[in-house]
């Protein structure tokens, strides 16, 4: 019996060695759900079919075809199909160094302050931007030339950065609480360590209760969930280097390979082997 193509699910990443700053993802008829997480990259994506609930910074947006979702690096978020129905989407993940370089080039040419993506809305509707994201993703999945992809991406993101520079930026960006900043830095620098809550509270100079409350309020995750998120993002880097799964599980301090696989799938909706294969 031939399976209905409408229900065939595709969920894949695409990378090119010539474009190390870009990772594309395409999902077709996906019903996969994600727990709250963050990326070290700037993420921008569009809904092609179906509807989804996009959560970030304490707000949930119901989005559908035509919507562009924007998530800055290290911002806790998730985006799951509405009513557990299937949906299709395109995502692009951009290294922040590349984006900062582009903003610096714009500053040099136009003599303006560097555009700041933190002022962009979480969801916007822009048909030209929508089409550009879809085309970049399709070129990455297909046979688009490196020059074509990079040219389209640069034009697209410079237009978005220009828009960000014209948004109202009078409201100050909330500063990280010093205690939360110390704990986040410790978790990034010591991702392989099994720190206790008391140790983290000592670093923060707060009670364990106050630390968890403040950390979750500011970051959107508990310190433990944040540490798992760091390890999953580190595992992605090692998977792209084609290292053995058992070695990656050990290097990222998961208790065993099964634990690594469970956590990775909760964050990415695919197994480490599937991610590595793409």
Foldseek 3Di string as FASTA:
>chain_A
DDDDPQQDWDWAKFDDPVCNFKIKIKIHQDLFWADKFFAQWKKKKAWCAAWKWKDWPHDTDIDHHQKMFTDHGLTIIIIGGDPSGTTIMMMMTGHVVVLQVLQVVVCVVVVDDRQDCVQPDRMDGDNVLNVLRVVLNVCRVDVNDPVVNVVSVSVSSVVVSVVSNPGDPPDDDDDQDPLLVQLLVVLLVPLQDPDDLVVSCVSSVHPSVVQQVSNCNPSVDGSVVRSLSSLLNVLLVVLCVVDDQQVSCNVSNPPGSVSNQVSNCNHRVDGSVRRSVD
